[in-house]
Amino acid sequence: MADAVREIEVKYCVVDPVSLVRALNDRGCVLSEPIRQDDQAYAANGWSYGQSKVGQAFARLRTENGRHTFCVKKPHDNELACAEHETEVLARDEMHAAILAMGFYPTTRIVKTRRTARLGRMMLCLDEVEGLGTFFEIEAMVSGDRPACEVQQELDAFARSLGVELERSTETYDSLLRAVLSVKH
């Protein structure tokens, strides 16, 4: 795995989005215009919520501005540190059928409005997630065998340096939405 590129991230529930945007602007980060992302998450047959995600493959089918992408993530150290492979696909419905044929099942639909900015090696994402609220993600693509927790500590230090109230989450959007939906039912 030393040569694999991994996406390592930290995620926060945002208490005051206006203060966060101001703090990012003060650092020279101007967020993009909002983009709507419609994601369908998938898990491999045999996996269910409550089980560890580490070592399991998960798929995502995303539509953004009429463009469809297919992604497979495989968490290594924790669910926010994944090997990731993504490609554009032409037909969402056909890709959905192919994902099912590969032995995955649909779990959660995640619809969000995302604004992004880059700062050095970090991708900053401000997400308004339907049914969840506002979240801030900091992502870094990392090669080599550097421990994910070390990278996450550095990303967290940056988030804390912004001086705004953030509540850290170690779960993915699909798990967070699943928890909200199970409480409502």
C-alpha atoms as a PDB file:
ATOM      1  CA  MET A   1       0.000   0.000   0.000  1.00  0.00           C
ATOM      2  CA  ALA A   2       3.010   2.312   0.175  1.00  0.00           C
ATOM      3  CA  ASP A   3       2.386   3.553  -3.379  1.00  0.00           C
ATOM      4  CA  ALA A   4      -1.397   3.908  -3.072  1.00  0.00           C
ATOM      5  CA  VAL A   5      -2.906   7.370  -2.935  1.00  0.00           C
ATOM      6  CA  ARG A   6      -5.441   7.762  -0.153  1.00  0.00           C
ATOM      7  CA  GLU A   7      -8.038  10.410   0.538  1.00  0.00           C
ATOM      8  CA  ILE A   8      -7.755  11.361   4.189  1.00  0.00           C
ATOM      9  CA  GLU A   9     -10.271  13.762   5.665  1.00  0.00           C
ATOM     10  CA  VAL A  10     -11.724  15.301   8.776  1.00  0.00           C
ATOM     11  CA  LYS A  11     -15.343  16.407   9.063  1.00  0.00           C
ATOM     12  CA  TYR A  12     -17.161  18.882  11.283  1.00  0.00           C
ATOM     13  CA  CYS A  13     -20.708  19.977  11.957  1.00  0.00           C
ATOM     14  CA  VAL A  14     -20.685  23.753  11.537  1.00  0.00           C
ATOM     15  CA  VAL A  15     -22.406  25.850  14.187  1.00  0.00           C
ATOM     16  CA  ASP A  16     -22.016  29.233  12.429  1.00  0.00           C
ATOM     17  CA  PRO A  17     -21.368  28.976   8.659  1.00  0.00           C
ATOM     18  CA  VAL A  18     -21.006  32.756   8.253  1.00  0.00           C
ATOM     19  CA  SER A  19     -18.140  32.849  10.768  1.00  0.00           C
ATOM     20  CA  LEU A  20     -16.466  29.900   9.054  1.00  0.00           C
ATOM     21  CA  VAL A  21     -16.656  31.555   5.616  1.00  0.00           C
ATOM     22  CA  ARG A  22     -15.231  34.759   7.122  1.00  0.00           C
ATOM     23  CA  ALA A  23     -12.358  32.839   8.771  1.00  0.00           C
ATOM     24  CA  LEU A  24     -11.589  31.063   5.477  1.00  0.00           C
ATOM     25  CA  ASN A  25     -11.641  34.386   3.606  1.00  0.00           C
ATOM     26  CA  ASP A  26      -9.180  35.769   6.176  1.00  0.00           C
ATOM     27  CA  ARG A  27      -6.843  32.897   5.174  1.00  0.00           C
ATOM     28  CA  GLY A  28      -7.201  33.761   1.488  1.00  0.00           C
ATOM     29  CA  CYS A  29      -9.668  30.956   0.748  1.00  0.00           C
ATOM     30  CA  VAL A  30     -12.567  31.998  -1.435  1.00  0.00           C
ATOM     31  CA  LEU A  31     -15.208  29.298  -1.739  1.00  0.00           C
ATOM     32  CA  SER A  32     -16.583  28.387  -5.146  1.00  0.00           C
ATOM     33  CA  GLU A  33     -20.153  28.920  -6.225  1.00  0.00           C
ATOM     34  CA  PRO A  34     -22.495  26.262  -4.810  1.00  0.00           C
ATOM     35  CA  ILE A  35     -22.819  22.996  -6.743  1.00  0.00           C
ATOM     36  CA  ARG A  36     -25.583  20.459  -6.091  1.00  0.00           C
ATOM     37  CA  GLN A  37     -24.394  16.869  -5.679  1.00  0.00           C
ATOM     38  CA  ASP A  38     -26.840  13.961  -5.738  1.00  0.00           C
ATOM     39  CA  ASP A  39     -25.109  10.857  -4.387  1.00  0.00           C
ATOM     40  CA  GLN A  40     -26.351   7.302  -4.041  1.00  0.00           C
ATOM     41  CA  ALA A  41     -24.202   5.293  -1.632  1.00  0.00           C
ATOM     42  CA  TYR A  42     -23.827   1.519  -1.917  1.00  0.00           C
ATOM     43  CA  ALA A  43     -22.438  -1.211   0.326  1.00  0.00           C
ATOM     44  CA  ALA A  44     -21.316  -4.720  -0.579  1.00  0.00           C
ATOM     45  CA  ASN A  45     -23.872  -7.450  -0.001  1.00  0.00           C
ATOM     46  CA  GLY A  46     -23.251  -8.916   3.465  1.00  0.00           C
ATOM     47  CA  TRP A  47     -22.220  -5.617   5.077  1.00  0.00           C
ATOM     48  CA  SER A  48     -24.692  -3.684   7.250  1.00  0.00           C
ATOM     49  CA  TYR A  49     -24.685  -0.550   9.385  1.00  0.00           C
ATOM     50  CA  GLY A  50     -23.172  -1.220  12.777  1.00  0.00           C
ATOM     51  CA  GLN A  51     -20.327  -3.260  11.273  1.00  0.00           C
ATOM     52  CA  SER A  52     -16.876  -1.796  10.748  1.00  0.00           C
ATOM     53  CA  LYS A  53     -16.279  -0.093   7.407  1.00  0.00           C
ATOM     54  CA  VAL A  54     -12.506  -0.646   7.564  1.00  0.00           C
ATOM     55  CA  GLY A  55     -11.373  -3.014   4.825  1.00  0.00           C
ATOM     56  CA  GLN A  56     -14.769  -3.023   3.080  1.00  0.00           C
ATOM     57  CA  ALA A  57     -15.421  -1.608  -0.391  1.00  0.00           C
ATOM     58  CA  PHE A  58     -18.185   0.991  -0.800  1.00  0.00           C
ATOM     59  CA  ALA A  59     -19.464   2.549  -3.994  1.00  0.00           C
ATOM     60  CA  ARG A  60     -20.960   5.924  -4.833  1.00  0.00           C
ATOM     61  CA  LEU A  61     -22.816   7.150  -7.883  1.00  0.00           C
ATOM     62  CA  ARG A  62     -22.830  10.963  -8.094  1.00  0.00           C
ATOM     63  CA  THR A  63     -24.594  13.392 -10.400  1.00  0.00           C
ATOM     64  CA  GLU A  64     -23.277  16.959 -10.501  1.00  0.00           C
ATOM     65  CA  ASN A  65     -24.231  19.455 -13.208  1.00  0.00           C
ATOM     66  CA  GLY A  66     -25.530  16.625 -15.422  1.00  0.00           C
ATOM     67  CA  ARG A  67     -22.227  14.735 -15.141  1.00  0.00           C
ATOM     68  CA  HIS A  68     -22.185  11.274 -13.513  1.00  0.00           C
ATOM     69  CA  THR A  69     -19.250   9.756 -11.652  1.00  0.00           C
ATOM     70  CA  PHE A  70     -18.736   6.328 -10.147  1.00  0.00           C
ATOM     71  CA  CYS A  71     -16.444   5.979  -7.156  1.00  0.00           C
ATOM     72  CA  VAL A  72     -15.256   3.083  -5.023  1.00  0.00           C
ATOM     73  CA  LYS A  73     -13.768   3.804  -1.603  1.00  0.00           C
ATOM     74  CA  LYS A  74     -12.087   1.311   0.691  1.00  0.00           C
ATOM     75  CA  PRO A  75     -11.394   2.580   4.223  1.00  0.00           C
ATOM     76  CA  HIS A  76      -8.016   1.507   5.614  1.00  0.00           C
ATOM     77  CA  ASP A  77      -7.221   3.133   8.970  1.00  0.00           C
ATOM     78  CA  ASN A  78     -10.716   4.493   9.659  1.00  0.00           C
ATOM     79  CA  GLU A  79     -13.797   5.372   7.629  1.00  0.00           C
ATOM     80  CA  LEU A  80     -12.429   8.825   6.726  1.00  0.00           C
ATOM     81  CA  ALA A  81      -9.135   7.470   5.344  1.00  0.00           C
ATOM     82  CA  CYS A  82      -9.756   5.598   2.102  1.00  0.00           C
ATOM     83  CA  ALA A  83      -8.175   4.317  -1.052  1.00  0.00           C
ATOM     84  CA  GLU A  84     -10.381   5.884  -3.716  1.00  0.00           C
ATOM     85  CA  HIS A  85     -10.965   5.223  -7.406  1.00  0.00           C
ATOM     86  CA  GLU A  86     -13.285   7.448  -9.440  1.00  0.00           C
ATOM     87  CA  THR A  87     -14.296   7.711 -13.080  1.00  0.00           C
ATOM     88  CA  GLU A  88     -16.926   9.460 -15.151  1.00  0.00           C
ATOM     89  CA  VAL A  89     -19.819   7.368 -16.490  1.00  0.00           C
ATOM     90  CA  LEU A  90     -22.231   8.201 -19.282  1.00  0.00           C
ATOM     91  CA  ALA A  91     -25.511   6.770 -17.965  1.00  0.00           C
ATOM     92  CA  ARG A  92     -26.515   6.868 -14.292  1.00  0.00           C
ATOM     93  CA  ASP A  93     -29.298   4.256 -14.600  1.00  0.00           C
ATOM     94  CA  GLU A  94     -27.053   1.781 -16.412  1.00  0.00           C
ATOM     95  CA  MET A  95     -24.264   2.311 -13.880  1.00  0.00           C
ATOM     96  CA  HIS A  96     -26.748   1.762 -11.041  1.00  0.00           C
ATOM     97  CA  ALA A  97     -27.717  -1.576 -12.617  1.00  0.00           C
ATOM     98  CA  ALA A  98     -24.043  -2.503 -13.022  1.00  0.00           C
ATOM     99  CA  ILE A  99     -23.301  -1.682  -9.372  1.00  0.00           C
ATOM    100  CA  LEU A 100     -26.150  -3.952  -8.289  1.00  0.00           C
ATOM    101  CA  ALA A 101     -24.818  -6.692 -10.591  1.00  0.00           C
ATOM    102  CA  MET A 102     -21.384  -6.355  -8.947  1.00  0.00           C
ATOM    103  CA  GLY A 103     -22.878  -7.335  -5.588  1.00  0.00           C
ATOM    104  CA  PHE A 104     -23.614  -3.975  -4.012  1.00  0.00           C
ATOM    105  CA  TYR A 105     -26.923  -2.684  -2.657  1.00  0.00           C
ATOM    106  CA  PRO A 106     -28.109   0.934  -2.292  1.00  0.00           C
ATOM    107  CA  THR A 107     -27.852   2.296   1.259  1.00  0.00           C
ATOM    108  CA  THR A 108     -28.462   6.041   1.540  1.00  0.00           C
ATOM    109  CA  ARG A 109     -29.140   8.917  -0.853  1.00  0.00           C
ATOM    110  CA  ILE A 110     -27.107  12.001   0.031  1.00  0.00           C
ATOM    111  CA  VAL A 111     -28.071  15.314  -1.549  1.00  0.00           C
ATOM    112  CA  LYS A 112     -25.935  18.305  -0.750  1.00  0.00           C
ATOM    113  CA  THR A 113     -24.887  21.718  -1.938  1.00  0.00           C
ATOM    114  CA  ARG A 114     -21.095  21.991  -1.909  1.00  0.00           C
ATOM    115  CA  ARG A 115     -18.736  24.948  -2.079  1.00  0.00           C
ATOM    116  CA  THR A 116     -14.993  24.281  -2.322  1.00  0.00           C
ATOM    117  CA  ALA A 117     -11.606  25.968  -2.069  1.00  0.00           C
ATOM    118  CA  ARG A 118      -8.006  24.783  -2.185  1.00  0.00           C
ATOM    119  CA  LEU A 119      -5.375  25.768   0.319  1.00  0.00           C
ATOM    120  CA  GLY A 120      -2.007  24.127  -0.286  1.00  0.00           C
ATOM    121  CA  ARG A 121      -2.589  20.365  -0.391  1.00  0.00           C
ATOM    122  CA  MET A 122      -5.985  20.676   1.292  1.00  0.00           C
ATOM    123  CA  MET A 123      -9.388  20.648  -0.383  1.00  0.00           C
ATOM    124  CA  LEU A 124     -11.873  22.548   1.775  1.00  0.00           C
ATOM    125  CA  CYS A 125     -15.571  21.712   1.365  1.00  0.00           C
ATOM    126  CA  LEU A 126     -18.522  23.522   2.907  1.00  0.00           C
ATOM    127  CA  ASP A 127     -21.549  21.259   2.523  1.00  0.00           C
ATOM    128  CA  GLU A 128     -25.225  21.904   3.185  1.00  0.00           C
ATOM    129  CA  VAL A 129     -26.500  18.336   3.485  1.00  0.00           C
ATOM    130  CA  GLU A 130     -30.252  17.797   3.171  1.00  0.00           C
ATOM    131  CA  GLY A 131     -31.540  16.293   6.404  1.00  0.00           C
ATOM    132  CA  LEU A 132     -28.277  16.899   8.312  1.00  0.00           C
ATOM    133  CA  GLY A 133     -27.255  20.553   8.201  1.00  0.00           C
ATOM    134  CA  THR A 134     -23.994  22.308   7.424  1.00  0.00           C
ATOM    135  CA  PHE A 135     -20.668  20.478   7.455  1.00  0.00           C
ATOM    136  CA  PHE A 136     -17.049  21.388   6.796  1.00  0.00           C
ATOM    137  CA  GLU A 137     -14.685  18.791   5.330  1.00  0.00           C
ATOM    138  CA  ILE A 138     -10.955  19.090   4.910  1.00  0.00           C
ATOM    139  CA  GLU A 139      -9.471  16.518   2.540  1.00  0.00           C
ATOM    140  CA  ALA A 140      -5.892  15.696   1.607  1.00  0.00           C
ATOM    141  CA  MET A 141      -4.648  13.201  -0.969  1.00  0.00           C
ATOM    142  CA  VAL A 142      -1.711  11.362   0.574  1.00  0.00           C
ATOM    143  CA  SER A 143       0.699   8.844  -0.936  1.00  0.00           C
ATOM    144  CA  GLY A 144       3.010   6.554   0.974  1.00  0.00           C
ATOM    145  CA  ASP A 145       2.400   4.791   4.227  1.00  0.00           C
ATOM    146  CA  ARG A 146       2.072   7.789   6.526  1.00  0.00           C
ATOM    147  CA  PRO A 147      -0.484   6.991   9.268  1.00  0.00           C
ATOM    148  CA  ALA A 148      -3.914   8.467   8.585  1.00  0.00           C
ATOM    149  CA  CYS A 149      -4.317   9.577  12.208  1.00  0.00           C
ATOM    150  CA  GLU A 150      -1.193  11.741  11.852  1.00  0.00           C
ATOM    151  CA  VAL A 151      -2.583  13.457   8.738  1.00  0.00           C
ATOM    152  CA  GLN A 152      -5.990  13.842  10.415  1.00  0.00           C
ATOM    153  CA  GLN A 153      -4.329  15.492  13.430  1.00  0.00           C
ATOM    154  CA  GLU A 154      -2.704  18.053  11.108  1.00  0.00           C
ATOM    155  CA  LEU A 155      -5.980  18.721   9.292  1.00  0.00           C
ATOM    156  CA  ASP A 156      -7.761  19.059  12.633  1.00  0.00           C
ATOM    157  CA  ALA A 157      -5.105  21.522  13.848  1.00  0.00           C
ATOM    158  CA  PHE A 158      -5.842  23.670  10.781  1.00  0.00           C
ATOM    159  CA  ALA A 159      -9.592  23.507  11.448  1.00  0.00           C
ATOM    160  CA  ARG A 160      -9.070  24.499  15.095  1.00  0.00           C
ATOM    161  CA  SER A 161      -6.784  27.368  14.050  1.00  0.00           C
ATOM    162  CA  LEU A 162      -9.721  29.002  12.261  1.00  0.00           C
ATOM    163  CA  GLY A 163     -11.158  29.975  15.649  1.00  0.00           C
ATOM    164  CA  VAL A 164     -14.775  29.033  14.879  1.00  0.00           C
ATOM    165  CA  GLU A 165     -17.026  26.581  16.685  1.00  0.00           C
ATOM    166  CA  LEU A 166     -16.884  23.197  14.966  1.00  0.00           C
ATOM    167  CA  GLU A 167     -18.102  19.815  16.201  1.00  0.00           C
ATOM    168  CA  ARG A 168     -15.911  17.012  14.866  1.00  0.00           C
ATOM    169  CA  SER A 169     -17.520  13.874  13.423  1.00  0.00           C
ATOM    170  CA  THR A 170     -15.731  10.637  12.597  1.00  0.00           C
ATOM    171  CA  GLU A 171     -18.597   9.266  10.485  1.00  0.00           C
ATOM    172  CA  THR A 172     -19.441   9.532   6.800  1.00  0.00           C
ATOM    173  CA  TYR A 173     -22.566  11.316   5.541  1.00  0.00           C
ATOM    174  CA  ASP A 174     -24.336   8.040   4.791  1.00  0.00           C
ATOM    175  CA  SER A 175     -23.855   6.848   8.390  1.00  0.00           C
ATOM    176  CA  LEU A 176     -24.935  10.211   9.806  1.00  0.00           C
ATOM    177  CA  LEU A 177     -28.064  10.277   7.616  1.00  0.00           C
ATOM    178  CA  ARG A 178     -28.851   6.654   8.468  1.00  0.00           C
ATOM    179  CA  ALA A 179     -28.707   7.532  12.189  1.00  0.00           C
ATOM    180  CA  VAL A 180     -31.057  10.516  11.702  1.00  0.00           C
ATOM    181  CA  LEU A 181     -33.501   8.451   9.659  1.00  0.00           C
ATOM    182  CA  SER A 182     -33.550   5.605  12.210  1.00  0.00           C
ATOM    183  CA  VAL A 183     -34.421   8.069  15.002  1.00  0.00           C
ATOM    184  CA  LYS A 184     -37.334   9.487  12.967  1.00  0.00           C
ATOM    185  CA  HIS A 185     -38.852   6.032  12.378  1.00  0.00           C
END
